[in-house]
Amino acid sequence: MFFRSRALADILQPLVGNTVHHVKNSKHLAEEMETCTIGEDEIFNSHDVVSLFTNTPIDYALDIIKERLVGDSKLKSRTLLSVDDIIELLKFIVNTTYFVFREQIYQQLFGTAMGSPVSPIVANLFMEHLEQQAIVTAPLNCKPSLWKRYVDDILEKIKKGEVDNLTEHINKVDPTGSIKFTYEPEVEGQIPFLDTLIVRRDDGSVKLLVYRKKTHTDQYLNFASHHPLHHKLGVIRTLLDRSKNIITLEEDRIKEEEHIKMALSRCGYPDWSIKKVQEEM
C-alpha cells in the first residue's frame, strides 16, 4: 500500500505549492519576509488548523484534486493514467486505512492517514482551495494583507482588533464544517512561526530570529555517541545553516552562532569540529 501511495504522491506533488500563499520551509519564509513592513494599526497573527489530516473531508478534497488534475497540462508527461484512474486509486487508498488498538482492528472512516505519502498532498491541495475561498470572501475590515501558510500553520497580517472577526469568518468557509481554526496573536511585537521568531521593529520593518520553545533543552546528538562522524558534523551544519538562512541582522546571527557553540560544547563537540564545518560552508 505504501508504494502505491508513493507513486500517487509523485504524480500529485507538482500540483502543490503553486500559490503566493505557500511556504516551503523556514528559509523560504525568511526570503518572503525580507520586504515585509507592518503598520502601527496592524498586527501579526497565526492561525492553526485543528487536526488537519484527520479532519480533511475526503470527498470534498477529491473533487478539488480532480479539478486540478483536469487543468494540469503536464499530467501526461508524468503518467499514463487517466484523471479518473488517478482519482479511483486515490479514493481507494485514503479509504482503506486500518490500525490495531488493544488487539482490535479499526478502520479510519474520516480524514487522511497520518504517515501516508499522499496525506500531506491531499491536505495541502484542500487547504489551497480553502484559503483561496477564505481570502476572497473575507470582509474588508478583516481581510489579511499578508497570508503565508505551511500545511496547517498560517501567518497573517491584519488590522488590530479584527482577529476574532477573521477567525469567525474562516471557521465558516469549509462547507462540511470539519475544518476549524485556533489562533495566536503576536505578543509584545513578536510572534513565532515554524522555527522562526518574527519581531516588528520601530520603523515598521521586521527581523527574524531562530525560535526555540521554552521547553527546548539544547540537547543534540552527543559527540561521544557511536555514530558516524558525518552525522555529527551534519548536526553542526544544520544549526549553522539555519542561522545563516533565517536570521535577518548580522549582530543577531553572531549571537546565535555563539549560542550554538555553547550548546554543542555541552554535548561534547570539540572546537575543531565546528571550525571544520564553518570552513566548508
Protein backbone atom coordinates (compact mmCIF):
# COMPACT_ATOMS: atom_id res chain seq x y z
CA MET A 1 0.00 0.00 0.00
CA PHE A 2 2.87 2.36 0.84
CA PHE A 3 4.39 2.03 -2.63
CA ARG A 4 1.04 2.70 -4.33
CA SER A 5 0.69 5.79 -2.14
CA ARG A 6 4.22 6.88 -3.01
CA ALA A 7 3.53 6.51 -6.75
CA LEU A 8 0.36 8.61 -6.48
CA ALA A 9 2.18 11.17 -4.36
CA ASP A 10 4.78 11.59 -7.13
CA ILE A 11 2.00 12.21 -9.67
CA LEU A 12 0.20 14.75 -7.49
CA GLN A 13 3.18 16.57 -5.96
CA PRO A 14 3.67 19.10 -8.82
CA LEU A 15 0.14 20.40 -8.15
CA VAL A 16 1.10 21.58 -4.65
CA GLY A 17 2.62 24.92 -3.71
CA ASN A 18 1.88 26.95 -6.83
CA THR A 19 0.27 29.86 -4.98
CA VAL A 20 1.68 33.06 -3.49
CA HIS A 21 0.50 31.92 -0.07
CA HIS A 22 2.53 28.70 0.02
CA VAL A 23 5.63 28.48 2.23
CA LYS A 24 8.11 25.66 1.54
CA ASN A 25 10.19 25.97 4.71
CA SER A 26 11.74 28.49 7.10
CA LYS A 27 14.31 29.64 4.54
CA HIS A 28 11.54 30.39 2.05
CA LEU A 29 9.61 32.26 4.75
CA ALA A 30 12.67 34.38 5.55
CA GLU A 31 13.01 35.30 1.87
CA GLU A 32 9.33 36.23 1.68
CA MET A 33 9.57 38.42 4.79
CA GLU A 34 12.61 40.42 3.61
CA THR A 35 10.50 43.27 2.27
CA CYS A 36 7.61 42.93 4.72
CA THR A 37 6.54 46.00 6.68
CA ILE A 38 3.81 46.35 9.29
CA GLY A 39 1.85 49.46 10.27
CA GLU A 40 1.03 50.66 13.76
CA ASP A 41 -2.61 49.76 13.17
CA GLU A 42 -1.74 46.19 12.11
CA ILE A 43 -0.93 43.00 13.96
CA PHE A 44 0.71 39.68 13.12
CA ASN A 45 -1.45 36.67 13.87
CA SER A 46 -1.08 32.93 13.46
CA HIS A 47 -3.96 30.55 12.74
CA ASP A 48 -3.66 26.79 13.14
CA VAL A 49 -5.99 24.10 11.81
CA VAL A 50 -7.27 21.70 14.45
CA SER A 51 -6.07 18.19 13.46
CA LEU A 52 -5.91 18.89 9.72
CA PHE A 53 -5.09 15.40 8.46
CA THR A 54 -7.78 13.56 10.39
CA ASN A 55 -10.36 16.28 9.70
CA THR A 56 -9.78 16.72 5.96
CA PRO A 57 -13.10 15.96 4.21
CA ILE A 58 -12.09 13.29 1.72
CA ASP A 59 -14.92 13.51 -0.83
CA TYR A 60 -14.64 17.31 -1.00
CA ALA A 61 -10.85 17.11 -1.28
CA LEU A 62 -11.05 14.53 -4.08
CA ASP A 63 -13.37 16.81 -6.08
CA ILE A 64 -10.83 19.63 -5.71
CA ILE A 65 -7.95 17.37 -6.76
CA LYS A 66 -9.87 16.08 -9.77
CA GLU A 67 -10.48 19.64 -10.93
CA ARG A 68 -6.78 20.43 -10.55
CA LEU A 69 -5.77 17.30 -12.49
CA VAL A 70 -8.14 18.11 -15.35
CA GLY A 71 -6.50 21.53 -15.67
CA ASP A 72 -2.93 20.16 -15.47
CA SER A 73 -1.41 20.41 -18.95
CA LYS A 74 1.71 18.46 -17.87
CA LEU A 75 -0.06 15.48 -16.33
CA LYS A 76 0.50 13.21 -19.36
CA SER A 77 4.25 13.74 -19.07
CA ARG A 78 4.17 12.22 -15.56
CA THR A 79 1.79 9.28 -16.00
CA LEU A 80 -0.24 7.26 -18.48
CA LEU A 81 -3.11 7.05 -16.02
CA SER A 82 -6.26 8.99 -16.77
CA VAL A 83 -7.67 11.51 -14.30
CA ASP A 84 -10.47 9.09 -13.43
CA ASP A 85 -7.96 6.30 -12.81
CA ILE A 86 -5.91 8.51 -10.51
CA ILE A 87 -8.97 9.58 -8.52
CA GLU A 88 -10.20 5.99 -8.24
CA LEU A 89 -6.83 4.81 -6.91
CA LEU A 90 -6.57 7.79 -4.58
CA LYS A 91 -10.06 7.17 -3.25
CA PHE A 92 -9.21 3.54 -2.58
CA ILE A 93 -6.01 4.41 -0.72
CA VAL A 94 -7.44 7.14 1.51
CA ASN A 95 -10.47 4.99 2.39
CA THR A 96 -8.60 1.81 3.34
CA THR A 97 -6.68 2.83 6.44
CA TYR A 98 -6.67 0.25 9.23
CA PHE A 99 -4.95 0.13 12.60
CA VAL A 100 -4.85 -2.12 15.65
CA PHE A 101 -5.62 -0.89 19.16
CA ARG A 102 -5.80 -3.25 22.13
CA GLU A 103 -5.98 -6.24 19.80
CA GLN A 104 -8.97 -4.78 17.94
CA ILE A 105 -8.82 -3.86 14.24
CA TYR A 106 -10.28 -0.47 13.35
CA GLN A 107 -10.86 1.34 10.06
CA GLN A 108 -10.37 5.10 9.80
CA LEU A 109 -13.61 6.46 8.43
CA PHE A 110 -12.76 10.13 8.10
CA GLY A 111 -9.74 12.21 7.16
CA THR A 112 -6.38 11.15 5.80
CA ALA A 113 -3.99 8.72 7.44
CA MET A 114 -1.02 10.03 9.40
CA GLY A 115 2.17 8.77 7.77
CA SER A 116 0.80 8.08 4.31
CA PRO A 117 2.80 9.74 1.49
CA VAL A 118 -0.37 11.10 -0.11
CA SER A 119 -1.87 12.57 3.08
CA PRO A 120 0.16 15.83 3.11
CA ILE A 121 -0.60 16.35 -0.58
CA VAL A 122 -4.35 15.78 -0.20
CA ALA A 123 -4.43 18.07 2.84
CA ASN A 124 -2.32 20.74 1.14
CA LEU A 125 -4.45 20.82 -2.02
CA PHE A 126 -7.59 21.03 0.09
CA MET A 127 -6.09 23.88 2.13
CA GLU A 128 -5.03 25.76 -1.00
CA HIS A 129 -8.63 25.74 -2.16
CA LEU A 130 -9.97 26.63 1.29
CA GLU A 131 -7.58 29.52 1.84
CA GLN A 132 -8.35 30.99 -1.57
CA GLN A 133 -12.05 30.96 -0.71
CA ALA A 134 -11.33 32.43 2.73
CA ILE A 135 -9.24 35.31 1.41
CA VAL A 136 -11.55 36.20 -1.50
CA THR A 137 -14.69 36.23 0.65
CA ALA A 138 -13.20 37.89 3.75
CA PRO A 139 -14.94 41.14 4.75
CA LEU A 140 -12.80 44.21 4.01
CA ASN A 141 -12.39 45.08 7.68
CA CYS A 142 -10.65 41.77 8.45
CA LYS A 143 -9.13 40.88 5.08
CA PRO A 144 -5.46 39.97 5.71
CA SER A 145 -2.80 41.92 3.81
CA LEU A 146 -0.38 39.01 4.32
CA TRP A 147 -1.22 35.30 4.32
CA LYS A 148 1.54 32.69 4.35
CA ARG A 149 0.81 29.02 5.02
CA TYR A 150 2.87 25.95 5.79
CA VAL A 151 0.46 22.97 5.69
CA ASP A 152 -1.82 23.78 8.66
CA ASP A 153 0.04 26.81 10.09
CA ILE A 154 -0.88 30.24 8.77
CA LEU A 155 0.81 33.61 9.33
CA GLU A 156 -1.29 36.71 8.69
CA LYS A 157 -1.05 40.46 8.93
CA ILE A 158 -4.38 42.15 9.66
CA LYS A 159 -5.84 45.25 11.27
CA LYS A 160 -5.74 45.37 15.06
CA GLY A 161 -8.94 44.23 16.71
CA GLU A 162 -10.01 42.06 13.75
CA VAL A 163 -8.56 38.68 14.79
CA ASP A 164 -11.85 37.40 16.20
CA ASN A 165 -13.74 38.55 13.11
CA LEU A 166 -11.27 36.83 10.79
CA THR A 167 -11.39 33.66 12.87
CA GLU A 168 -15.18 33.63 12.78
CA HIS A 169 -15.07 34.09 9.02
CA ILE A 170 -12.55 31.34 8.20
CA ASN A 171 -14.31 28.90 10.52
CA LYS A 172 -17.34 29.14 8.23
CA VAL A 173 -15.55 28.64 4.90
CA ASP A 174 -15.41 24.83 4.89
CA PRO A 175 -18.91 23.74 3.76
CA THR A 176 -18.52 20.39 5.56
CA GLY A 177 -17.86 22.10 8.90
CA SER A 178 -14.91 19.78 9.53
CA ILE A 179 -12.10 22.33 9.49
CA LYS A 180 -11.78 24.67 12.46
CA PHE A 181 -9.06 27.18 13.33
CA THR A 182 -7.46 28.38 16.54
CA TYR A 183 -5.28 31.47 16.68
CA GLU A 184 -2.31 33.04 18.44
CA PRO A 185 -1.72 36.81 18.07
CA GLU A 186 1.65 38.49 18.39
CA VAL A 187 2.79 39.26 21.94
CA GLU A 188 4.95 42.31 22.66
CA GLY A 189 5.67 42.73 18.96
CA GLN A 190 6.80 39.13 18.45
CA ILE A 191 5.24 36.00 17.01
CA PRO A 192 6.69 32.52 16.45
CA PHE A 193 6.06 30.80 13.12
CA LEU A 194 7.70 27.49 12.17
CA ASP A 195 11.15 27.73 13.82
CA THR A 196 11.41 31.48 13.33
CA LEU A 197 10.58 34.36 15.65
CA ILE A 198 9.22 37.36 13.75
CA VAL A 199 9.93 40.66 15.51
CA ARG A 200 8.47 44.01 14.50
CA ARG A 201 10.90 46.95 14.60
CA ASP A 202 10.23 50.61 15.41
CA ASP A 203 10.41 51.67 11.77
CA GLY A 204 7.75 49.15 10.67
CA SER A 205 10.19 46.64 9.21
CA VAL A 206 10.59 43.15 10.67
CA LYS A 207 13.51 40.98 11.63
CA LEU A 208 13.71 37.22 12.03
CA LEU A 209 15.39 35.21 14.77
CA VAL A 210 15.64 31.49 15.45
CA TYR A 211 12.75 30.42 17.67
CA ARG A 212 13.08 27.89 20.47
CA LYS A 213 10.23 26.85 22.73
CA LYS A 214 10.63 27.37 26.47
CA THR A 215 10.91 23.60 26.86
CA HIS A 216 13.84 23.40 24.43
CA THR A 217 16.90 21.86 26.14
CA ASP A 218 19.66 22.29 23.51
CA GLN A 219 20.26 18.53 23.61
CA TYR A 220 21.73 17.28 20.36
CA LEU A 221 23.46 14.10 19.22
CA ASN A 222 26.35 13.66 21.67
CA PHE A 223 29.76 13.74 20.05
CA ALA A 224 30.84 10.68 22.08
CA SER A 225 27.95 8.60 20.74
CA HIS A 226 28.55 5.67 18.39
CA HIS A 227 27.52 7.44 15.18
CA PRO A 228 29.48 8.20 12.02
CA LEU A 229 31.39 11.49 12.11
CA HIS A 230 29.43 12.89 9.18
CA HIS A 231 26.22 12.55 11.23
CA LYS A 232 27.72 14.70 13.98
CA LEU A 233 29.08 17.24 11.52
CA GLY A 234 25.61 17.26 9.99
CA VAL A 235 24.16 18.46 13.29
CA ILE A 236 26.57 21.40 13.27
CA ARG A 237 25.89 22.17 9.64
CA THR A 238 22.12 22.12 10.15
CA LEU A 239 22.25 24.56 13.07
CA LEU A 240 24.65 26.94 11.34
CA ASP A 241 22.74 26.75 8.08
CA ARG A 242 19.51 27.64 9.87
CA SER A 243 21.20 30.63 11.47
CA LYS A 244 22.57 31.78 8.13
CA ASN A 245 19.29 31.45 6.23
CA ILE A 246 16.78 32.67 8.81
CA ILE A 247 18.31 35.45 10.88
CA THR A 248 17.99 38.93 9.38
CA LEU A 249 20.64 41.01 11.16
CA GLU A 250 24.34 40.21 11.40
CA GLU A 251 24.53 41.08 15.10
CA ASP A 252 21.75 38.58 15.84
CA ARG A 253 23.48 35.97 13.70
CA ILE A 254 26.69 36.35 15.72
CA LYS A 255 24.74 35.85 18.97
CA GLU A 256 23.05 32.77 17.54
CA GLU A 257 26.36 31.23 16.49
CA GLU A 258 27.74 31.79 19.99
CA HIS A 259 24.66 30.08 21.40
CA ILE A 260 25.19 27.14 19.01
CA LYS A 261 28.84 26.79 20.04
CA MET A 262 27.94 26.78 23.74
CA ALA A 263 25.14 24.23 23.25
CA LEU A 264 27.32 21.92 21.16
CA SER A 265 30.19 22.26 23.62
CA ARG A 266 27.93 20.90 26.36
CA CYS A 267 27.19 17.96 24.06
CA GLY A 268 30.90 17.20 23.74
CA TYR A 269 31.64 18.80 20.38
CA PRO A 270 35.30 19.94 20.14
CA ASP A 271 36.18 23.33 18.65
CA TRP A 272 37.81 21.75 15.61
CA SER A 273 34.53 20.12 14.54
CA ILE A 274 32.67 23.44 14.47
CA LYS A 275 35.56 25.20 12.70
CA LYS A 276 35.68 22.41 10.10
CA VAL A 277 32.02 22.88 9.21
CA GLN A 278 32.33 26.69 9.17
CA GLU A 279 35.22 26.47 6.71
CA GLU A 280 33.22 24.18 4.43
CA MET A 281 30.13 26.40 4.35
